[in-house]
Amino acid sequence: MRRLELLRIEHRDLDMAIGALVHSGTGDQLQLARLKKRKLRLRDEIAVLEDALIPDIIA
């Protein structure tokens, strides 16, 4: 699913951007908080899409 792939790429990019801001020490705390919040929303959306791809199996 293309949407899932794009979300994963954006999530990874946000992770790298957050790491760079933290490492540089010049990151605005508000900007950092917004990036982290966006990353969490992406993670949740990725989880929903992944769950939709896996069929329910009754054992």
PDB file of N, CA and C in Angstrom:
ATOM      1  N   MET A   1       0.845  -1.175   0.000  1.00  0.00           N
ATOM      2  CA  MET A   1       0.000   0.000   0.000  1.00  0.00           C
ATOM      3  C   MET A   1       0.894   1.244   0.000  1.00  0.00           C
ATOM      4  N   ARG A   2       0.691   2.078  -0.972  1.00  0.00           N
ATOM      5  CA  ARG A   2       1.530   3.270  -1.180  1.00  0.00           C
ATOM      6  C   ARG A   2       1.423   4.254  -0.012  1.00  0.00           C
ATOM      7  N   ARG A   3       0.220   4.447   0.494  1.00  0.00           N
ATOM      8  CA  ARG A   3       0.005   5.382   1.610  1.00  0.00           C
ATOM      9  C   ARG A   3       0.830   4.965   2.832  1.00  0.00           C
ATOM     10  N   LEU A   4       0.847   3.688   3.127  1.00  0.00           N
ATOM     11  CA  LEU A   4       1.603   3.166   4.267  1.00  0.00           C
ATOM     12  C   LEU A   4       3.096   3.430   4.084  1.00  0.00           C
ATOM     13  N   GLU A   5       3.593   3.210   2.886  1.00  0.00           N
ATOM     14  CA  GLU A   5       5.002   3.453   2.594  1.00  0.00           C
ATOM     15  C   GLU A   5       5.356   4.933   2.790  1.00  0.00           C
ATOM     16  N   LEU A   6       4.499   5.813   2.309  1.00  0.00           N
ATOM     17  CA  LEU A   6       4.740   7.248   2.451  1.00  0.00           C
ATOM     18  C   LEU A   6       4.730   7.680   3.921  1.00  0.00           C
ATOM     19  N   LEU A   7       3.820   7.118   4.691  1.00  0.00           N
ATOM     20  CA  LEU A   7       3.765   7.444   6.117  1.00  0.00           C
ATOM     21  C   LEU A   7       5.028   6.976   6.837  1.00  0.00           C
ATOM     22  N   ARG A   8       5.490   5.790   6.482  1.00  0.00           N
ATOM     23  CA  ARG A   8       6.722   5.273   7.104  1.00  0.00           C
ATOM     24  C   ARG A   8       7.921   6.156   6.767  1.00  0.00           C
ATOM     25  N   ILE A   9       7.984   6.623   5.534  1.00  0.00           N
ATOM     26  CA  ILE A   9       9.084   7.508   5.125  1.00  0.00           C
ATOM     27  C   ILE A   9       9.011   8.823   5.899  1.00  0.00           C
ATOM     28  N   GLU A  10       7.815   9.386   5.998  1.00  0.00           N
ATOM     29  CA  GLU A  10       7.657  10.647   6.731  1.00  0.00           C
ATOM     30  C   GLU A  10       8.009  10.459   8.208  1.00  0.00           C
ATOM     31  N   HIS A  11       7.608   9.323   8.782  1.00  0.00           N
ATOM     32  CA  HIS A  11       7.909   9.020  10.186  1.00  0.00           C
ATOM     33  C   HIS A  11       9.424   8.944  10.391  1.00  0.00           C
ATOM     34  N   ARG A  12      10.105   8.270   9.486  1.00  0.00           N
ATOM     35  CA  ARG A  12      11.566   8.145   9.579  1.00  0.00           C
ATOM     36  C   ARG A  12      12.235   9.513   9.434  1.00  0.00           C
ATOM     37  N   ASP A  13      11.748  10.312   8.492  1.00  0.00           N
ATOM     38  CA  ASP A  13      12.311  11.651   8.292  1.00  0.00           C
ATOM     39  C   ASP A  13      12.119  12.534   9.519  1.00  0.00           C
ATOM     40  N   LEU A  14      10.937  12.442  10.131  1.00  0.00           N
ATOM     41  CA  LEU A  14      10.693  13.206  11.352  1.00  0.00           C
ATOM     42  C   LEU A  14      11.626  12.758  12.468  1.00  0.00           C
ATOM     43  N   ASP A  15      11.848  11.467  12.561  1.00  0.00           N
ATOM     44  CA  ASP A  15      12.754  10.933  13.574  1.00  0.00           C
ATOM     45  C   ASP A  15      14.157  11.513  13.394  1.00  0.00           C
ATOM     46  N   MET A  16      14.614  11.577  12.161  1.00  0.00           N
ATOM     47  CA  MET A  16      15.939  12.137  11.883  1.00  0.00           C
ATOM     48  C   MET A  16      15.968  13.636  12.176  1.00  0.00           C
ATOM     49  N   ALA A  17      14.907  14.350  11.844  1.00  0.00           N
ATOM     50  CA  ALA A  17      14.846  15.791  12.102  1.00  0.00           C
ATOM     51  C   ALA A  17      14.845  16.077  13.601  1.00  0.00           C
ATOM     52  N   ILE A  18      14.105  15.284  14.351  1.00  0.00           N
ATOM     53  CA  ILE A  18      14.067  15.446  15.805  1.00  0.00           C
ATOM     54  C   ILE A  18      15.449  15.175  16.385  1.00  0.00           C
ATOM     55  N   GLY A  19      16.080  14.108  15.925  1.00  0.00           N
ATOM     56  CA  GLY A  19      17.427  13.785  16.392  1.00  0.00           C
ATOM     57  C   GLY A  19      18.419  14.892  16.092  1.00  0.00           C
ATOM     58  N   ALA A  20      18.319  15.479  14.917  1.00  0.00           N
ATOM     59  CA  ALA A  20      19.235  16.557  14.533  1.00  0.00           C
ATOM     60  C   ALA A  20      19.012  17.793  15.405  1.00  0.00           C
ATOM     61  N   LEU A  21      17.752  18.119  15.684  1.00  0.00           N
ATOM     62  CA  LEU A  21      17.460  19.269  16.542  1.00  0.00           C
ATOM     63  C   LEU A  21      17.986  19.057  17.957  1.00  0.00           C
ATOM     64  N   VAL A  22      17.781  17.866  18.481  1.00  0.00           N
ATOM     65  CA  VAL A  22      18.253  17.556  19.837  1.00  0.00           C
ATOM     66  C   VAL A  22      19.776  17.589  19.877  1.00  0.00           C
ATOM     67  N   HIS A  23      20.396  16.998  18.879  1.00  0.00           N
ATOM     68  CA  HIS A  23      21.860  16.915  18.835  1.00  0.00           C
ATOM     69  C   HIS A  23      22.505  18.298  18.695  1.00  0.00           C
ATOM     70  N   SER A  24      21.892  19.157  17.891  1.00  0.00           N
ATOM     71  CA  SER A  24      22.464  20.489  17.661  1.00  0.00           C
ATOM     72  C   SER A  24      22.287  21.402  18.866  1.00  0.00           C
ATOM     73  N   GLY A  25      21.277  21.115  19.668  1.00  0.00           N
ATOM     74  CA  GLY A  25      21.029  21.935  20.840  1.00  0.00           C
ATOM     75  C   GLY A  25      20.412  23.283  20.530  1.00  0.00           C
ATOM     76  N   THR A  26      20.122  23.544  19.261  1.00  0.00           N
ATOM     77  CA  THR A  26      19.555  24.835  18.874  1.00  0.00           C
ATOM     78  C   THR A  26      18.055  24.741  18.643  1.00  0.00           C
ATOM     79  N   GLY A  27      17.503  23.553  18.877  1.00  0.00           N
ATOM     80  CA  GLY A  27      16.092  23.352  18.592  1.00  0.00           C
ATOM     81  C   GLY A  27      15.169  24.107  19.529  1.00  0.00           C
ATOM     82  N   ASP A  28      14.194  24.763  18.949  1.00  0.00           N
ATOM     83  CA  ASP A  28      13.138  25.427  19.692  1.00  0.00           C
ATOM     84  C   ASP A  28      12.279  24.340  20.344  1.00  0.00           C
ATOM     85  N   GLN A  29      12.015  24.468  21.634  1.00  0.00           N
ATOM     86  CA  GLN A  29      11.254  23.439  22.353  1.00  0.00           C
ATOM     87  C   GLN A  29       9.841  23.274  21.799  1.00  0.00           C
ATOM     88  N   LEU A  30       9.237  24.369  21.390  1.00  0.00           N
ATOM     89  CA  LEU A  30       7.893  24.291  20.817  1.00  0.00           C
ATOM     90  C   LEU A  30       7.923  23.542  19.479  1.00  0.00           C
ATOM     91  N   GLN A  31       8.916  23.838  18.666  1.00  0.00           N
ATOM     92  CA  GLN A  31       9.067  23.147  17.383  1.00  0.00           C
ATOM     93  C   GLN A  31       9.322  21.662  17.615  1.00  0.00           C
ATOM     94  N   LEU A  32      10.168  21.353  18.579  1.00  0.00           N
ATOM     95  CA  LEU A  32      10.479  19.966  18.903  1.00  0.00           C
ATOM     96  C   LEU A  32       9.223  19.226  19.363  1.00  0.00           C
ATOM     97  N   ALA A  33       8.436  19.867  20.202  1.00  0.00           N
ATOM     98  CA  ALA A  33       7.195  19.253  20.684  1.00  0.00           C
ATOM     99  C   ALA A  33       6.229  18.997  19.527  1.00  0.00           C
ATOM    100  N   ARG A  34       6.131  19.941  18.599  1.00  0.00           N
ATOM    101  CA  ARG A  34       5.238  19.765  17.445  1.00  0.00           C
ATOM    102  C   ARG A  34       5.686  18.603  16.563  1.00  0.00           C
ATOM    103  N   LEU A  35       6.994  18.503  16.348  1.00  0.00           N
ATOM    104  CA  LEU A  35       7.514  17.395  15.538  1.00  0.00           C
ATOM    105  C   LEU A  35       7.242  16.053  16.202  1.00  0.00           C
ATOM    106  N   LYS A  36       7.441  15.994  17.506  1.00  0.00           N
ATOM    107  CA  LYS A  36       7.199  14.740  18.232  1.00  0.00           C
ATOM    108  C   LYS A  36       5.723  14.363  18.194  1.00  0.00           C
ATOM    109  N   LYS A  37       4.857  15.359  18.320  1.00  0.00           N
ATOM    110  CA  LYS A  37       3.419  15.100  18.267  1.00  0.00           C
ATOM    111  C   LYS A  37       3.020  14.583  16.884  1.00  0.00           C
ATOM    112  N   ARG A  38       3.562  15.183  15.849  1.00  0.00           N
ATOM    113  CA  ARG A  38       3.282  14.735  14.476  1.00  0.00           C
ATOM    114  C   ARG A  38       3.777  13.304  14.273  1.00  0.00           C
ATOM    115  N   LYS A  39       4.953  13.013  14.822  1.00  0.00           N
ATOM    116  CA  LYS A  39       5.525  11.668  14.698  1.00  0.00           C
ATOM    117  C   LYS A  39       4.607  10.641  15.382  1.00  0.00           C
ATOM    118  N   LEU A  40       4.067  10.983  16.540  1.00  0.00           N
ATOM    119  CA  LEU A  40       3.155  10.069  17.235  1.00  0.00           C
ATOM    120  C   LEU A  40       1.872   9.849  16.441  1.00  0.00           C
ATOM    121  N   ARG A  41       1.335  10.928  15.838  1.00  0.00           N
ATOM    122  CA  ARG A  41       0.130  10.779  15.002  1.00  0.00           C
ATOM    123  C   ARG A  41       0.405   9.864  13.814  1.00  0.00           C
ATOM    124  N   LEU A  42       1.586  10.022  13.216  1.00  0.00           N
ATOM    125  CA  LEU A  42       1.956   9.158  12.095  1.00  0.00           C
ATOM    126  C   LEU A  42       2.043   7.705  12.537  1.00  0.00           C
ATOM    127  N   ARG A  43       2.656   7.486  13.704  1.00  0.00           N
ATOM    128  CA  ARG A  43       2.787   6.117  14.212  1.00  0.00           C
ATOM    129  C   ARG A  43       1.415   5.490  14.395  1.00  0.00           C
ATOM    130  N   ASP A  44       0.476   6.257  14.942  1.00  0.00           N
ATOM    131  CA  ASP A  44      -0.882   5.743  15.135  1.00  0.00           C
ATOM    132  C   ASP A  44      -1.556   5.433  13.803  1.00  0.00           C
ATOM    133  N   GLU A  45      -1.384   6.313  12.825  1.00  0.00           N
ATOM    134  CA  GLU A  45      -1.987   6.089  11.514  1.00  0.00           C
ATOM    135  C   GLU A  45      -1.374   4.868  10.830  1.00  0.00           C
ATOM    136  N   ILE A  46      -0.062   4.695  10.978  1.00  0.00           N
ATOM    137  CA  ILE A  46       0.620   3.523  10.426  1.00  0.00           C
ATOM    138  C   ILE A  46       0.056   2.253  11.060  1.00  0.00           C
ATOM    139  N   ALA A  47      -0.127   2.265  12.379  1.00  0.00           N
ATOM    140  CA  ALA A  47      -0.654   1.091  13.081  1.00  0.00           C
ATOM    141  C   ALA A  47      -2.047   0.735  12.591  1.00  0.00           C
ATOM    142  N   VAL A  48      -2.890   1.736  12.365  1.00  0.00           N
ATOM    143  CA  VAL A  48      -4.250   1.485  11.875  1.00  0.00           C
ATOM    144  C   VAL A  48      -4.197   0.840  10.493  1.00  0.00           C
ATOM    145  N   LEU A  49      -3.361   1.372   9.611  1.00  0.00           N
ATOM    146  CA  LEU A  49      -3.259   0.816   8.257  1.00  0.00           C
ATOM    147  C   LEU A  49      -2.687  -0.604   8.280  1.00  0.00           C
ATOM    148  N   GLU A  50      -1.695  -0.837   9.126  1.00  0.00           N
ATOM    149  CA  GLU A  50      -1.114  -2.184   9.222  1.00  0.00           C
ATOM    150  C   GLU A  50      -2.143  -3.175   9.750  1.00  0.00           C
ATOM    151  N   ASP A  51      -2.926  -2.751  10.742  1.00  0.00           N
ATOM    152  CA  ASP A  51      -3.969  -3.635  11.280  1.00  0.00           C
ATOM    153  C   ASP A  51      -5.010  -3.975  10.219  1.00  0.00           C
ATOM    154  N   ALA A  52      -5.303  -3.023   9.349  1.00  0.00           N
ATOM    155  CA  ALA A  52      -6.285  -3.262   8.289  1.00  0.00           C
ATOM    156  C   ALA A  52      -5.759  -4.263   7.256  1.00  0.00           C
ATOM    157  N   LEU A  53      -4.442  -4.353   7.117  1.00  0.00           N
ATOM    158  CA  LEU A  53      -3.858  -5.271   6.152  1.00  0.00           C
ATOM    159  C   LEU A  53      -3.806  -6.710   6.662  1.00  0.00           C
ATOM    160  N   ILE A  54      -3.788  -6.848   7.973  1.00  0.00           N
ATOM    161  CA  ILE A  54      -3.691  -8.186   8.574  1.00  0.00           C
ATOM    162  C   ILE A  54      -5.107  -8.678   8.871  1.00  0.00           C
ATOM    163  N   PRO A  55      -5.498  -9.784   8.251  1.00  0.00           N
ATOM    164  CA  PRO A  55      -6.855 -10.287   8.478  1.00  0.00           C
ATOM    165  C   PRO A  55      -6.989 -10.845   9.898  1.00  0.00           C
ATOM    166  N   ASP A  56      -8.187 -10.688  10.445  1.00  0.00           N
ATOM    167  CA  ASP A  56      -8.464 -11.255  11.762  1.00  0.00           C
ATOM    168  C   ASP A  56      -8.507 -12.769  11.660  1.00  0.00           C
ATOM    169  N   ILE A  57      -7.764 -13.427  12.520  1.00  0.00           N
ATOM    170  CA  ILE A  57      -7.714 -14.891  12.512  1.00  0.00           C
ATOM    171  C   ILE A  57      -8.250 -15.360  13.865  1.00  0.00           C
ATOM    172  N   ILE A  58      -9.296 -16.156  13.809  1.00  0.00           N
ATOM    173  CA  ILE A  58      -9.855 -16.700  15.037  1.00  0.00           C
ATOM    174  C   ILE A  58      -9.199 -18.048  15.264  1.00  0.00           C
ATOM    175  N   ALA A  59      -8.464 -18.149  16.373  1.00  0.00           N
ATOM    176  CA  ALA A  59      -7.728 -19.381  16.657  1.00  0.00           C
ATOM    177  C   ALA A  59      -8.576 -20.337  17.456  1.00  0.00           C
TER     178      ALA A  59
END
